[in-house]
Protein backbone atom coordinates (compact mmCIF):
# COMPACT_ATOMS: atom_id res chain seq x y z
CA MET A 1 119.27 36.20 206.88
CA ALA A 2 117.95 35.04 203.52
CA LYS A 3 116.08 31.77 203.28
CA GLU A 4 117.96 30.81 200.14
CA GLU A 5 121.35 31.65 198.74
CA LEU A 6 121.30 33.97 195.74
CA ILE A 7 123.27 33.20 192.60
CA GLU A 8 125.51 36.06 191.46
CA MET A 9 126.29 36.37 187.74
CA ASN A 10 127.45 38.96 185.22
CA GLY A 11 125.75 39.92 181.99
CA VAL A 12 125.16 42.57 179.34
CA VAL A 13 121.97 44.61 178.95
CA ASN A 14 120.48 43.98 175.49
CA GLU A 15 117.28 45.97 175.64
CA VAL A 16 115.60 48.50 177.91
CA LEU A 17 111.98 47.51 178.52
CA PRO A 18 109.08 49.51 179.99
CA ASP A 19 108.56 49.66 183.76
CA SER A 20 112.29 49.82 184.62
CA ARG A 21 113.03 46.33 183.36
CA PHE A 22 115.84 45.11 181.15
CA ARG A 23 116.53 42.13 178.91
CA VAL A 24 119.95 40.81 179.93
CA THR A 25 122.17 38.14 178.38
CA LEU A 26 124.31 36.31 180.91
CA GLU A 27 127.91 35.24 180.30
CA ASN A 28 126.71 31.68 179.68
CA GLY A 29 124.31 32.84 176.92
CA HIS A 30 120.99 32.62 178.80
CA GLN A 31 118.59 35.57 178.55
CA LEU A 32 116.41 36.86 181.37
CA ILE A 33 114.39 39.85 182.51
CA ALA A 34 115.99 41.95 185.25
CA TYR A 35 115.07 44.98 187.34
CA THR A 36 117.23 47.44 189.26
CA SER A 37 117.78 47.10 192.98
CA GLY A 38 116.37 49.65 195.40
CA LYS A 39 119.74 51.28 196.10
CA MET A 40 120.31 51.80 192.38
CA LYS A 41 116.91 53.48 192.07
CA LYS A 42 117.60 55.58 195.16
CA HIS A 43 120.89 56.89 193.76
CA HIS A 44 119.45 57.41 190.23
CA ILE A 45 121.95 55.11 188.51
CA ARG A 46 121.03 54.86 184.84
CA ILE A 47 121.36 51.64 182.91
CA LEU A 48 121.49 51.64 179.12
CA ALA A 49 121.67 48.95 176.46
CA GLY A 50 125.21 47.63 176.21
CA ASP A 51 126.10 48.16 179.88
CA LYS A 52 127.82 45.33 181.75
CA VAL A 53 126.00 44.54 184.99
CA SER A 54 126.12 42.20 187.98
CA LEU A 55 122.91 40.35 188.83
CA GLU A 56 121.45 38.29 191.64
CA LEU A 57 119.26 35.33 190.68
CA SER A 58 117.00 33.23 192.85
CA PRO A 59 117.71 29.50 192.56
CA TYR A 60 113.94 28.95 192.28
CA ASP A 61 113.30 31.20 189.24
CA LEU A 62 116.23 31.63 186.87
CA THR A 63 114.22 33.73 184.38
CA LYS A 64 114.19 36.84 186.60
CA GLY A 65 117.04 38.75 188.17
CA ARG A 66 117.95 41.86 190.16
CA ILE A 67 120.66 44.18 188.86
CA THR A 68 122.94 45.09 191.75
CA PHE A 69 125.87 46.84 190.04
CA ARG A 70 126.66 48.57 186.75
CA HIS A 71 130.28 48.11 185.70
CA ILE A 72 131.92 51.30 184.47
CA GLU A 73 134.08 50.97 181.39
CA ARG A 74 137.08 53.25 181.61
CA THR A 75 137.73 55.26 178.46
CA GLY A 76 140.24 57.95 177.59
CA TYR A 77 137.67 60.62 178.42
CA THR A 78 137.85 62.31 181.81
CA PRO A 79 135.17 64.82 182.72
CA PRO A 80 136.27 68.37 183.53
CA PRO A 81 136.70 69.19 187.23
CA ARG A 82 133.69 70.59 189.03
CA ARG A 83 133.65 74.24 189.94
CA HIS A 84 132.20 75.23 193.28
């Protein structure tokens, strides 16, 4: 059980920084530095500038966050089926 409750917010990635970090603008306009969660690294989920993401923030330091989910924007494009 966590010692503190995490704040969950949504934002947009503005810039990809070195060392797997990202500059993210939250829905309320604040900017912060975020990093990907371990499960996202494990499953090789790529994050690019312009992606919409969900973040977890600590109530003690609101300038840093952890990206927990990348929202997929549905477009008209569907990839071809995989051949076995």
